[in-house]
N, C-alpha and C. Protein backbone atom coordinates (compact mmCIF):
# COMPACT_ATOMS: atom_id res chain seq x y z
N ALA A 1 -1.42 0.97 7.74
CA ALA A 1 -0.89 0.57 9.04
C ALA A 1 0.47 0.02 9.13
N PHE A 2 0.80 -0.84 8.36
CA PHE A 2 2.25 -1.29 8.14
C PHE A 2 3.05 -0.27 7.90
N LEU A 3 2.98 0.91 7.01
CA LEU A 3 3.78 2.08 6.74
C LEU A 3 3.91 2.79 7.94
N SER A 4 2.85 2.93 8.90
CA SER A 4 2.68 3.93 9.67
C SER A 4 3.62 3.31 11.05
N SER A 5 3.56 2.26 10.77
CA SER A 5 4.24 1.31 12.27
C SER A 5 5.61 1.22 11.98
N PHE A 6 6.05 0.93 11.03
CA PHE A 6 7.40 0.30 10.69
C PHE A 6 8.47 1.58 9.80
N ILE A 7 7.85 2.19 8.94
CA ILE A 7 8.40 3.50 8.01
C ILE A 7 8.32 4.74 8.56
N LEU A 8 6.90 5.15 8.39
CA LEU A 8 6.72 6.55 8.50
C LEU A 8 7.14 7.26 10.17
N ASP A 9 7.72 8.16 10.16
CA ASP A 9 7.54 9.13 11.55
C ASP A 9 7.35 10.72 11.08
N SER A 10 7.37 11.56 11.84
CA SER A 10 7.43 12.82 11.70
C SER A 10 8.57 13.57 11.73
N VAL A 11 9.64 12.87 12.14
CA VAL A 11 10.95 13.32 12.00
C VAL A 11 11.67 13.18 10.76
N CYS A 12 11.39 11.97 10.34
CA CYS A 12 12.31 11.99 9.05
C CYS A 12 11.43 12.03 7.84
N TRP A 13 10.06 12.02 7.85
CA TRP A 13 9.01 12.30 6.51
C TRP A 13 8.14 13.74 6.87
N GLU A 14 8.00 14.16 5.74
CA GLU A 14 7.18 15.75 5.59
C GLU A 14 6.12 15.12 4.40
N VAL A 15 5.05 15.76 4.88
CA VAL A 15 3.85 15.73 3.70
C VAL A 15 3.93 17.00 2.68
N VAL A 16 4.13 16.23 1.56
CA VAL A 16 4.43 17.25 0.38
C VAL A 16 3.15 16.81 -0.28
N GLY A 17 2.10 16.20 -0.41
CA GLY A 17 1.17 16.32 -1.30
C GLY A 17 -0.10 15.52 -0.69
N VAL A 18 -1.55 16.16 -1.26
CA VAL A 18 -2.65 15.03 -0.97
C VAL A 18 -3.46 15.28 -2.11
N VAL A 19 -4.42 13.99 -2.00
CA VAL A 19 -5.40 13.81 -3.13
C VAL A 19 -6.60 13.45 -2.29
N LYS A 20 -7.56 14.35 -2.69
CA LYS A 20 -9.15 14.07 -2.33
C LYS A 20 -9.84 13.73 -3.08
N LEU A 21 -10.75 12.50 -3.03
CA LEU A 21 -11.77 12.01 -3.97
C LEU A 21 -13.00 11.88 -3.83
N TRP A 22 -13.84 11.99 -4.83
CA TRP A 22 -15.27 11.84 -4.52
C TRP A 22 -15.96 10.80 -5.61
N ASN A 23 -16.40 9.96 -5.01
CA ASN A 23 -17.06 8.97 -5.64
C ASN A 23 -18.22 7.96 -4.94
N GLU A 24 -18.74 6.95 -5.28
CA GLU A 24 -19.90 6.68 -4.65
C GLU A 24 -19.40 5.93 -3.47
N TRP A 25 -17.92 5.47 -3.30
CA TRP A 25 -17.68 4.72 -2.01
C TRP A 25 -16.97 5.79 -1.05
N CYS A 26 -16.33 6.85 -1.50
CA CYS A 26 -15.83 7.97 -0.55
C CYS A 26 -16.34 9.53 -1.04
N ARG A 27 -17.35 9.89 -0.26
CA ARG A 27 -17.81 11.11 -0.24
C ARG A 27 -17.59 12.12 0.89
N THR A 28 -16.87 13.36 0.10
CA THR A 28 -16.33 14.28 0.97
C THR A 28 -17.13 15.75 0.85
N SER A 29 -17.20 16.26 1.81
CA SER A 29 -18.32 17.60 1.89
C SER A 29 -17.56 18.64 1.01
N SER A 30 -15.92 18.69 0.81
CA SER A 30 -15.51 19.80 -0.02
C SER A 30 -14.31 19.25 -0.54
N THR A 31 -13.86 19.70 -1.70
CA THR A 31 -12.71 19.48 -2.45
C THR A 31 -11.99 20.78 -2.63
N THR A 32 -12.18 21.53 -1.71
CA THR A 32 -11.08 22.72 -1.80
C THR A 32 -10.71 22.56 -0.10
N ASN A 33 -9.42 23.16 -0.16
CA ASN A 33 -9.01 23.30 1.16
C ASN A 33 -8.76 22.17 1.96
N VAL A 34 -8.05 21.43 0.79
CA VAL A 34 -7.71 20.17 1.51
C VAL A 34 -6.32 19.92 2.72
N LEU A 35 -6.84 19.58 3.73
CA LEU A 35 -5.96 19.28 4.78
C LEU A 35 -5.55 18.15 4.71
N PRO A 36 -4.29 17.81 5.56
CA PRO A 36 -3.50 16.36 5.69
C PRO A 36 -4.52 15.57 6.61
N THR A 37 -5.08 16.28 7.30
CA THR A 37 -6.00 15.68 8.77
C THR A 37 -7.10 15.19 7.93
N ASP A 38 -7.68 15.42 6.80
CA ASP A 38 -8.76 14.96 6.22
C ASP A 38 -8.49 14.41 4.95
N SER A 39 -7.47 14.12 4.50
CA SER A 39 -7.16 13.64 3.24
C SER A 39 -7.45 11.98 2.94
N PHE A 40 -7.73 11.58 2.04
CA PHE A 40 -7.81 10.16 1.49
C PHE A 40 -6.47 9.65 1.15
N CYS A 41 -5.34 10.49 0.42
CA CYS A 41 -4.60 9.84 -0.31
C CYS A 41 -3.14 11.10 0.24
N LEU A 42 -2.24 10.47 1.03
CA LEU A 42 -1.31 11.41 1.64
C LEU A 42 0.18 10.64 0.89
N PHE A 43 0.84 12.03 0.64
CA PHE A 43 2.19 11.86 0.07
C PHE A 43 3.36 12.23 0.91
N TYR A 44 4.35 11.52 1.13
CA TYR A 44 5.28 12.01 1.89
C TYR A 44 6.61 11.86 1.48
N ARG A 45 7.44 12.87 1.65
CA ARG A 45 8.65 12.91 1.08
C ARG A 45 10.04 12.68 2.37
N LEU A 46 10.73 11.62 2.01
CA LEU A 46 11.94 11.46 3.05
C LEU A 46 12.83 12.77 2.99
N ILE A 47 13.22 13.47 4.14
CA ILE A 47 13.42 14.58 4.45
C ILE A 47 15.12 14.31 4.04
N SER A 48 15.90 13.35 4.39
CA SER A 48 17.35 13.07 4.20
C SER A 48 17.52 12.90 2.69
N ASP A 49 16.40 12.38 1.90
CA ASP A 49 16.44 11.82 0.62
C ASP A 49 15.22 12.13 -0.31
N PRO A 50 15.27 13.43 -0.61
CA PRO A 50 13.93 14.01 -1.47
C PRO A 50 13.26 12.94 -2.85
N THR A 51 14.12 12.01 -2.85
CA THR A 51 13.83 11.43 -4.16
C THR A 51 13.10 10.13 -3.85
N VAL A 52 13.03 9.85 -2.76
CA VAL A 52 12.07 8.91 -1.94
C VAL A 52 10.63 9.48 -1.46
N LEU A 53 9.56 8.86 -2.31
CA LEU A 53 8.40 9.35 -2.03
C LEU A 53 7.72 7.78 -1.66
N LEU A 54 6.61 8.58 -0.53
CA LEU A 54 5.73 7.21 -0.18
C LEU A 54 4.19 7.60 0.00
N CYS A 55 3.23 6.99 -0.49
CA CYS A 55 1.90 7.29 -0.91
C CYS A 55 1.04 6.44 -0.04
N GLN A 56 0.12 6.99 0.85
CA GLN A 56 -0.55 6.15 1.65
C GLN A 56 -1.93 6.77 1.11
N CYS A 57 -2.61 5.39 0.80
CA CYS A 57 -4.14 5.64 -0.06
C CYS A 57 -4.94 4.96 0.59
N SER A 58 -5.85 5.55 1.45
CA SER A 58 -6.89 4.95 2.25
C SER A 58 -8.16 4.92 1.71
N CYS A 59 -8.60 5.36 0.71
CA CYS A 59 -9.68 5.48 -0.21
C CYS A 59 -9.82 4.53 -1.33
N TYR A 60 -11.24 4.67 -1.83
CA TYR A 60 -11.39 3.85 -2.96
C TYR A 60 -11.06 4.43 -4.26
N VAL A 61 -10.03 4.22 -5.14
CA VAL A 61 -10.34 5.03 -6.24
C VAL A 61 -10.98 4.24 -7.34
N ALA A 62 -12.06 4.72 -7.95
CA ALA A 62 -13.18 4.46 -8.73
C ALA A 62 -12.24 3.92 -10.21
N GLU A 63 -12.90 2.88 -10.83
CA GLU A 63 -12.09 2.68 -12.20
C GLU A 63 -12.08 3.69 -13.19
N ASP A 64 -13.05 4.71 -13.28
CA ASP A 64 -12.86 5.68 -14.13
C ASP A 64 -12.05 6.98 -13.59
N GLN A 65 -11.47 6.63 -12.53
CA GLN A 65 -10.67 7.84 -12.02
C GLN A 65 -9.34 7.40 -11.83
N GLN A 66 -9.10 6.05 -11.95
CA GLN A 66 -7.73 5.55 -11.91
C GLN A 66 -6.75 6.08 -12.85
N PHE A 67 -7.05 6.57 -13.93
CA PHE A 67 -6.17 6.79 -14.97
C PHE A 67 -5.84 8.01 -15.04
N GLN A 68 -7.02 8.80 -14.42
CA GLN A 68 -6.56 10.47 -14.09
C GLN A 68 -5.57 10.56 -12.85
N TRP A 69 -5.75 9.52 -11.81
CA TRP A 69 -5.12 9.63 -10.67
C TRP A 69 -3.52 9.21 -11.00
N LEU A 70 -3.38 8.18 -11.91
CA LEU A 70 -2.05 7.88 -12.47
C LEU A 70 -1.44 8.91 -13.19
N GLU A 71 -1.96 9.46 -13.82
CA GLU A 71 -1.51 10.92 -14.94
C GLU A 71 -0.96 11.97 -13.97
N LYS A 72 -1.76 12.24 -13.00
CA LYS A 72 -1.44 13.48 -12.11
C LYS A 72 -0.24 12.89 -11.11
N VAL A 73 -0.20 11.84 -10.63
CA VAL A 73 0.88 11.24 -9.69
C VAL A 73 2.10 11.27 -10.53
N PHE A 74 2.02 10.25 -11.37
CA PHE A 74 3.47 10.08 -12.22
C PHE A 74 3.64 11.18 -13.00
N GLY A 75 2.75 12.05 -13.43
CA GLY A 75 3.01 13.25 -14.14
C GLY A 75 4.21 14.36 -13.41
N CYS A 76 4.17 14.20 -12.17
CA CYS A 76 4.95 15.01 -11.14
C CYS A 76 6.45 14.31 -11.17
N MET A 77 6.51 13.33 -11.48
CA MET A 77 7.72 12.46 -11.04
C MET A 77 8.52 12.32 -12.48
N ARG A 78 9.91 12.10 -12.43
CA ARG A 78 10.82 11.70 -13.35
C ARG A 78 10.80 10.29 -13.40
N LYS A 79 10.53 9.98 -14.65
CA LYS A 79 10.56 8.33 -14.78
C LYS A 79 11.98 7.62 -14.92
N GLU A 80 12.80 8.35 -15.38
CA GLU A 80 14.35 7.86 -15.42
C GLU A 80 14.96 7.51 -13.90
N GLY A 81 15.20 6.12 -13.76
CA GLY A 81 15.59 6.02 -12.44
C GLY A 81 14.62 5.48 -11.63
N LEU A 82 13.42 5.54 -11.85
CA LEU A 82 12.21 5.53 -10.94
C LEU A 82 11.83 4.06 -10.61
N GLN A 83 11.67 3.71 -9.44
CA GLN A 83 11.16 2.15 -8.76
C GLN A 83 10.26 2.27 -7.97
N VAL A 84 9.31 1.70 -8.27
CA VAL A 84 7.82 1.43 -7.65
C VAL A 84 7.61 0.31 -7.04
N THR A 85 7.16 0.55 -5.47
CA THR A 85 6.77 -0.74 -4.77
C THR A 85 5.38 -0.37 -4.42
N VAL A 86 4.48 -1.46 -4.44
CA VAL A 86 3.03 -1.33 -4.02
C VAL A 86 2.50 -2.20 -2.92
N LEU A 87 1.92 -2.05 -1.86
CA LEU A 87 1.51 -2.93 -1.07
C LEU A 87 -0.12 -2.86 -1.03
N SER A 88 -0.51 -4.12 -1.03
CA SER A 88 -1.96 -3.89 -0.94
C SER A 88 -2.36 -5.14 -0.36
N THR A 89 -3.84 -5.32 0.17
CA THR A 89 -4.35 -6.28 0.93
C THR A 89 -5.64 -6.71 0.12
N CYS A 90 -6.30 -7.98 0.25
CA CYS A 90 -7.27 -8.44 -0.28
C CYS A 90 -7.62 -9.66 0.34
N PRO A 91 -9.14 -10.26 0.40
CA PRO A 91 -9.61 -11.31 0.81
C PRO A 91 -8.81 -12.52 0.26
N VAL A 92 -8.73 -13.54 1.26
CA VAL A 92 -8.19 -14.73 0.70
C VAL A 92 -9.00 -15.48 -0.05
N ALA A 93 -10.20 -15.28 -0.17
CA ALA A 93 -11.34 -15.58 -1.04
C ALA A 93 -11.31 -15.53 -2.47
N ASP A 94 -10.37 -14.41 -2.45
CA ASP A 94 -10.12 -13.93 -4.18
C ASP A 94 -9.11 -14.69 -4.74
N TYR A 95 -8.48 -15.50 -4.01
CA TYR A 95 -6.86 -16.28 -4.48
C TYR A 95 -7.31 -17.52 -4.77
N LYS A 96 -7.36 -17.89 -5.94
CA LYS A 96 -7.40 -18.96 -6.84
C LYS A 96 -6.49 -20.20 -6.79
N THR A 97 -6.88 -21.31 -6.13
CA THR A 97 -5.92 -22.40 -5.81
C THR A 97 -6.98 -23.43 -6.19
N GLN A 98 -6.30 -24.70 -6.49
CA GLN A 98 -6.86 -26.13 -6.45
C GLN A 98 -7.35 -26.70 -5.12
N GLU A 99 -6.29 -26.19 -3.96
CA GLU A 99 -6.51 -26.68 -2.60
C GLU A 99 -7.59 -25.68 -2.16
N SER A 100 -8.23 -26.55 -0.94
CA SER A 100 -9.17 -25.52 -0.32
C SER A 100 -8.52 -23.95 0.24
N THR A 101 -9.16 -22.89 0.44
CA THR A 101 -8.54 -21.92 0.96
C THR A 101 -8.78 -21.99 2.49
N LEU A 102 -9.64 -23.05 3.01
CA LEU A 102 -9.70 -22.92 4.34
C LEU A 102 -8.20 -23.72 5.01
N THR A 103 -7.29 -24.58 4.11
CA THR A 103 -6.29 -25.15 4.92
C THR A 103 -4.89 -24.06 4.27
N LEU A 104 -5.18 -22.83 3.79
CA LEU A 104 -4.04 -22.14 3.52
C LEU A 104 -3.74 -21.26 4.55
N PRO A 105 -2.58 -21.15 4.88
CA PRO A 105 -1.81 -20.43 6.17
C PRO A 105 -1.96 -18.93 6.15
N SER A 106 -3.17 -18.42 6.28
CA SER A 106 -3.58 -17.21 6.09
C SER A 106 -3.27 -16.23 7.30
N PRO A 107 -2.65 -14.95 7.12
CA PRO A 107 -2.26 -14.37 5.71
C PRO A 107 -1.03 -14.77 5.15
N PHE A 108 -1.05 -14.50 4.12
CA PHE A 108 0.33 -14.88 3.01
C PHE A 108 0.52 -13.84 2.01
N LEU A 109 1.62 -13.37 1.67
CA LEU A 109 2.06 -12.57 0.56
C LEU A 109 2.49 -13.21 -0.73
N LYS A 110 1.97 -12.50 -1.84
CA LYS A 110 2.17 -13.04 -3.40
C LYS A 110 2.52 -11.79 -3.98
N ALA A 111 3.76 -11.95 -4.87
CA ALA A 111 4.09 -10.95 -5.65
C ALA A 111 3.99 -10.80 -6.98
N LEU A 112 3.82 -9.69 -7.47
CA LEU A 112 3.93 -9.55 -8.98
C LEU A 112 4.65 -8.41 -9.65
N LYS A 113 5.18 -8.60 -10.69
CA LYS A 113 5.98 -7.57 -10.85
C LYS A 113 6.18 -7.26 -12.49
N THR A 114 6.50 -6.03 -12.89
CA THR A 114 6.80 -5.50 -14.06
C THR A 114 7.96 -6.30 -14.71
N LYS A 115 7.93 -6.39 -16.04
CA LYS A 115 9.29 -6.99 -16.87
C LYS A 115 10.84 -6.45 -16.42
N GLU A 116 10.47 -5.26 -16.24
CA GLU A 116 11.87 -4.38 -15.88
C GLU A 116 12.41 -4.46 -14.50
N PHE A 117 11.73 -5.00 -13.57
CA PHE A 117 11.96 -5.30 -12.06
C PHE A 117 12.83 -6.41 -12.12
N LYS A 118 14.26 -6.27 -11.78
CA LYS A 118 15.12 -7.50 -11.77
C LYS A 118 15.55 -7.75 -10.37
N GLU A 119 15.21 -7.09 -9.33
CA GLU A 119 15.56 -7.37 -7.67
C GLU A 119 14.90 -8.52 -7.26
N GLN A 120 15.35 -9.28 -6.68
CA GLN A 120 14.74 -10.51 -5.94
C GLN A 120 13.64 -10.00 -5.10
N VAL A 121 12.34 -10.87 -5.21
CA VAL A 121 10.93 -10.53 -4.66
C VAL A 121 11.23 -11.32 -3.35
N CYS A 122 10.61 -10.63 -2.20
CA CYS A 122 10.65 -11.14 -1.01
C CYS A 122 9.52 -12.47 -0.69
N CYS A 123 8.92 -13.04 -1.61
CA CYS A 123 7.81 -13.87 -1.42
C CYS A 123 7.67 -14.48 -2.68
N PRO A 124 6.75 -15.61 -2.87
CA PRO A 124 6.31 -16.21 -4.08
C PRO A 124 5.58 -15.57 -5.03
N LEU A 125 6.11 -15.49 -6.38
CA LEU A 125 5.11 -15.22 -7.29
C LEU A 125 3.69 -15.41 -7.29
N LEU A 126 2.73 -14.45 -7.85
CA LEU A 126 1.41 -14.67 -8.00
C LEU A 126 1.12 -15.51 -9.04
N GLU A 127 0.85 -17.01 -8.98
CA GLU A 127 0.31 -17.88 -9.77
C GLU A 127 -0.76 -17.69 -10.84
N GLN A 128 -0.94 -18.12 -11.94
CA GLN A 128 -2.08 -18.11 -12.87
C GLN A 128 -3.13 -19.03 -12.35
N PRO A 129 -4.38 -18.72 -12.46
CA PRO A 129 -5.11 -17.73 -13.31
C PRO A 129 -5.40 -16.31 -12.17
N ASN A 130 -4.73 -16.26 -11.60
CA ASN A 130 -5.04 -15.27 -10.04
C ASN A 130 -4.47 -13.89 -11.16
N ILE A 131 -5.61 -12.89 -10.34
CA ILE A 131 -5.44 -11.28 -11.12
C ILE A 131 -5.33 -10.18 -9.95
N VAL A 132 -5.04 -9.05 -10.15
CA VAL A 132 -4.94 -8.28 -9.14
C VAL A 132 -5.89 -7.08 -9.84
N ARG A 133 -6.51 -6.40 -8.97
CA ARG A 133 -7.53 -5.36 -9.48
C ARG A 133 -7.33 -3.87 -8.59
N ASP A 134 -8.22 -3.01 -9.06
CA ASP A 134 -8.34 -2.13 -8.52
C ASP A 134 -7.03 -0.89 -8.78
N LEU A 135 -6.85 0.00 -7.76
CA LEU A 135 -5.65 0.74 -7.76
C LEU A 135 -4.34 0.26 -8.06
N PRO A 136 -3.96 -0.78 -7.12
CA PRO A 136 -2.72 -1.65 -7.28
C PRO A 136 -2.42 -2.12 -9.04
N ALA A 137 -3.26 -2.58 -9.21
CA ALA A 137 -3.39 -3.36 -10.75
C ALA A 137 -3.28 -2.07 -11.90
N ALA A 138 -3.81 -1.04 -11.49
CA ALA A 138 -3.70 0.07 -12.43
C ALA A 138 -2.23 0.65 -12.49
N VAL A 139 -1.40 0.92 -11.21
CA VAL A 139 -0.06 1.32 -11.14
C VAL A 139 0.70 0.32 -11.34
N LEU A 140 0.47 -1.13 -11.59
CA LEU A 140 1.43 -1.99 -12.11
C LEU A 140 1.23 -2.08 -13.52
N SER A 141 0.38 -1.62 -14.15
CA SER A 141 0.11 -1.88 -15.62
C SER A 141 0.60 -0.49 -16.08
N TYR A 142 0.36 0.66 -15.45
CA TYR A 142 1.17 1.94 -15.80
C TYR A 142 2.59 1.60 -16.10
N CYS A 143 3.21 1.18 -15.20
CA CYS A 143 4.59 0.93 -15.03
C CYS A 143 5.08 0.08 -15.99
N GLN A 144 4.33 -0.93 -16.29
CA GLN A 144 4.71 -2.02 -17.33
C GLN A 144 4.76 -1.40 -18.69
N VAL A 145 3.62 -0.50 -18.96
CA VAL A 145 3.66 0.36 -20.22
C VAL A 145 4.78 1.28 -20.42
N TRP A 146 5.15 1.89 -19.17
CA TRP A 146 6.17 2.85 -19.48
C TRP A 146 7.57 2.47 -19.12
N GLN A 147 7.63 1.18 -19.02
CA GLN A 147 8.79 0.59 -18.76
C GLN A 147 9.67 0.80 -17.49
N ILE A 148 8.68 0.97 -16.32
CA ILE A 148 9.38 1.13 -14.86
C ILE A 148 9.26 -0.01 -14.18
N PRO A 149 10.56 -0.27 -13.54
CA PRO A 149 10.77 -1.40 -12.54
C PRO A 149 9.57 -1.28 -11.47
N ALA A 150 8.36 -2.18 -11.20
CA ALA A 150 7.73 -2.33 -10.31
C ALA A 150 7.35 -3.51 -9.73
N VAL A 151 6.95 -3.84 -8.61
CA VAL A 151 6.43 -4.88 -7.80
C VAL A 151 5.37 -4.68 -6.85
N LEU A 152 4.25 -5.38 -7.02
CA LEU A 152 3.34 -5.34 -6.26
C LEU A 152 3.38 -6.59 -5.29
N TYR A 153 3.13 -5.95 -3.90
CA TYR A 153 3.19 -7.23 -2.94
C TYR A 153 1.72 -7.37 -2.48
N GLN A 154 0.90 -8.45 -2.72
CA GLN A 154 -0.25 -8.57 -2.28
C GLN A 154 -0.45 -9.62 -1.21
N CYS A 155 -1.20 -8.98 0.32
CA CYS A 155 -1.41 -9.76 1.15
C CYS A 155 -2.81 -10.37 1.09
N TYR A 156 -2.97 -11.66 1.03
CA TYR A 156 -3.93 -12.27 1.19
C TYR A 156 -4.57 -12.63 2.68
N THR A 157 -5.70 -12.31 2.96
CA THR A 157 -6.22 -12.11 4.47
C THR A 157 -7.38 -12.57 4.56
N ASP A 158 -7.64 -13.44 5.81
CA ASP A 158 -9.12 -14.04 6.26
C ASP A 158 -9.76 -13.30 7.07
N VAL A 159 -9.25 -11.84 7.36
CA VAL A 159 -10.00 -10.92 8.29
C VAL A 159 -10.43 -9.73 7.54
N ILE A 160 -11.53 -9.03 8.17
CA ILE A 160 -11.83 -7.78 7.66
C ILE A 160 -11.33 -6.61 8.13
N LYS A 161 -11.31 -6.74 9.58
CA LYS A 161 -10.87 -5.62 10.24
C LYS A 161 -9.46 -5.59 10.38
N LEU A 162 -8.57 -4.61 10.64
CA LEU A 162 -7.32 -4.53 10.93
C LEU A 162 -6.72 -5.26 12.22
N ASP A 163 -5.70 -6.19 11.94
CA ASP A 163 -5.29 -6.94 12.95
C ASP A 163 -3.60 -7.14 13.06
N THR A 164 -3.14 -7.42 13.90
CA THR A 164 -1.47 -7.40 14.18
C THR A 164 -1.13 -8.53 13.26
N VAL A 165 -1.59 -9.50 13.11
CA VAL A 165 -1.16 -10.71 12.31
C VAL A 165 -1.17 -10.42 10.64
N THR A 166 -2.30 -9.39 10.15
CA THR A 166 -2.10 -9.20 8.75
C THR A 166 -1.06 -8.20 8.43
N ILE A 167 -0.60 -7.18 9.52
CA ILE A 167 0.21 -6.06 9.13
C ILE A 167 1.51 -6.80 9.14
N GLU A 168 1.56 -7.83 10.14
CA GLU A 168 2.97 -8.34 10.37
C GLU A 168 3.35 -9.26 9.11
N ALA A 169 2.46 -9.54 8.28
CA ALA A 169 2.88 -10.07 7.16
C ALA A 169 3.78 -9.67 6.47
N PHE A 170 3.49 -8.25 6.23
CA PHE A 170 4.31 -7.38 5.25
C PHE A 170 6.04 -7.40 5.91
N LYS A 171 6.06 -7.96 7.04
CA LYS A 171 7.36 -7.78 7.62
C LYS A 171 8.71 -8.12 6.98
N PRO A 172 8.38 -9.27 6.05
CA PRO A 172 9.52 -9.71 5.34
C PRO A 172 10.22 -8.80 4.57
N LEU A 173 9.19 -7.71 4.01
CA LEU A 173 9.76 -6.76 3.18
C LEU A 173 10.72 -5.96 3.81
N LEU A 174 10.76 -5.71 5.06
CA LEU A 174 11.75 -4.97 5.70
C LEU A 174 13.18 -5.16 5.28
N ALA A 175 13.39 -6.08 4.95
CA ALA A 175 14.67 -6.90 4.60
C ALA A 175 14.94 -6.42 2.95
N SER A 176 14.09 -6.11 2.27
CA SER A 176 14.06 -5.75 0.70
C SER A 176 15.23 -4.65 0.60
N GLU A 177 15.69 -4.57 -0.47
CA GLU A 177 16.53 -3.64 -0.82
C GLU A 177 16.25 -2.02 -0.78
N ILE A 178 14.74 -2.12 -1.28
CA ILE A 178 14.29 -0.65 -1.18
C ILE A 178 13.59 -0.04 0.39
N LEU A 179 13.58 -0.94 1.34
CA LEU A 179 12.68 -0.61 2.32
C LEU A 179 13.84 -0.56 3.66
N LYS A 180 14.87 -1.58 3.44
CA LYS A 180 15.47 -1.73 4.75
C LYS A 180 16.17 -0.44 5.23
N SER A 181 16.70 0.47 4.29
CA SER A 181 17.10 1.87 4.83
C SER A 181 16.10 2.78 5.11
N LEU A 182 14.80 2.23 5.30
CA LEU A 182 13.78 3.21 5.79
C LEU A 182 13.20 2.97 7.02
N VAL A 183 13.76 1.56 7.81
CA VAL A 183 13.18 1.19 8.85
C VAL A 183 13.37 1.79 9.89
N LYS A 184 12.38 1.99 10.91
CA LYS A 184 12.71 2.97 12.10
C LYS A 184 12.64 1.73 13.46
N ASP A 185 12.78 2.52 14.42
CA ASP A 185 13.14 1.97 15.67
C ASP A 185 11.89 0.84 15.86
N VAL A 186 12.29 -0.33 16.00
CA VAL A 186 11.21 -1.33 16.23
C VAL A 186 10.45 -1.24 17.39
N SER A 187 10.87 -0.66 18.64
CA SER A 187 10.42 -0.75 19.72
C SER A 187 9.22 0.73 19.43
N GLU A 188 9.64 1.47 18.86
CA GLU A 188 8.69 2.76 18.61
C GLU A 188 7.70 1.92 17.60
N SER A 189 7.88 1.04 16.68
CA SER A 189 7.06 0.41 15.94
C SER A 189 5.76 -0.33 16.53
N THR A 190 6.29 -0.92 17.66
CA THR A 190 5.29 -1.67 18.29
C THR A 190 4.31 -0.82 18.96
N LYS A 191 4.79 0.09 19.64
CA LYS A 191 3.89 1.32 20.25
C LYS A 191 2.80 1.71 19.06
N ILE A 192 3.42 2.15 18.04
CA ILE A 192 2.35 2.50 16.96
C ILE A 192 1.45 1.87 16.56
N LEU A 193 1.75 0.19 16.42
CA LEU A 193 1.04 -0.58 16.15
C LEU A 193 -0.02 -0.87 17.01
N LYS A 194 0.14 -0.85 18.69
CA LYS A 194 -0.83 -1.00 19.21
C LYS A 194 -1.76 -0.08 19.38
N LYS A 195 -1.25 1.30 19.35
CA LYS A 195 -2.43 2.46 19.42
C LYS A 195 -3.21 2.42 18.19
N LEU A 196 -2.47 1.97 17.04
CA LEU A 196 -3.59 1.91 15.60
C LEU A 196 -4.71 0.59 15.96
N LEU A 197 -4.40 -0.26 16.63
CA LEU A 197 -5.29 -1.58 16.46
C LEU A 197 -6.19 -1.26 17.62
N THR A 198 -5.75 -0.35 18.87
CA THR A 198 -6.67 0.04 19.89
C THR A 198 -7.78 1.15 19.12
N ALA A 199 -7.20 2.04 18.54
CA ALA A 199 -8.29 2.97 17.73
C ALA A 199 -9.20 2.02 16.69
N ASN A 200 -8.76 1.23 16.24
CA ASN A 200 -9.72 0.34 15.31
C ASN A 200 -10.74 -0.33 16.05
N GLU A 201 -10.33 -1.11 17.02
CA GLU A 201 -11.17 -1.58 18.00
C GLU A 201 -12.32 -0.83 18.61
N THR A 202 -11.95 0.35 18.95
CA THR A 202 -12.63 1.24 19.55
C THR A 202 -13.86 1.58 18.85
N HIS A 203 -13.26 2.01 17.26
CA HIS A 203 -14.44 2.20 16.24
C HIS A 203 -15.20 1.05 16.05
N SER A 204 -14.36 -0.28 15.97
CA SER A 204 -15.38 -1.19 15.66
C SER A 204 -16.60 -1.77 16.38
N ASN A 205 -16.39 -1.21 17.59
CA ASN A 205 -17.38 -1.21 18.86
C ASN A 205 -18.87 -0.98 18.22
N ILE A 206 -18.91 -0.03 17.45
CA ILE A 206 -20.16 0.63 16.94
C ILE A 206 -20.97 -0.23 16.20
N TYR A 207 -20.45 -1.38 15.69
CA TYR A 207 -21.07 -2.38 14.81
C TYR A 207 -21.42 -3.52 15.95
N ILE A 208 -21.00 -3.57 17.05
CA ILE A 208 -21.23 -5.17 17.80
C ILE A 208 -22.82 -4.76 18.21
């Protein structure tokens, strides 16, 4: 939602790849004839600079699928000069701290980076003994092994469904070296954000 609101648009970006998965959490009827409209992972390329790729992954990638996912995705890229930024969210209940999570100003960002990432991060680093998991952790581990500069920005939130506050928690990243040149018109971003939230609220009414 953050990328769709502040970065992506159909004028500057084009879809260049898709990934469709099947596991216990995401079951699809067909693994052939994959279309962007029903895919779970979409890959976009910046038209003005084809070296910039963006992946939106809205599905669960099981542990036994993560290595294959990484091999297929990174196997299509040159590792020389590559830099990776990962955005992810998780419940604030997963955050380990000596103080009560009830007093934390949720949502908040924490960063974790590989040894080769030399740029300044946009938020405090994740403290021990906190860990990250699932696909974001797998991507960061892959980059550490292959000596690829990479940073993970993890947003800890106390809400389950999409909301403006959680999405805007990522806004400090718009000033980062890697994203500041990709930011689109802010007024347009606000419209898209409202549309995304409205669609989410309509879908959530099923469970009320």
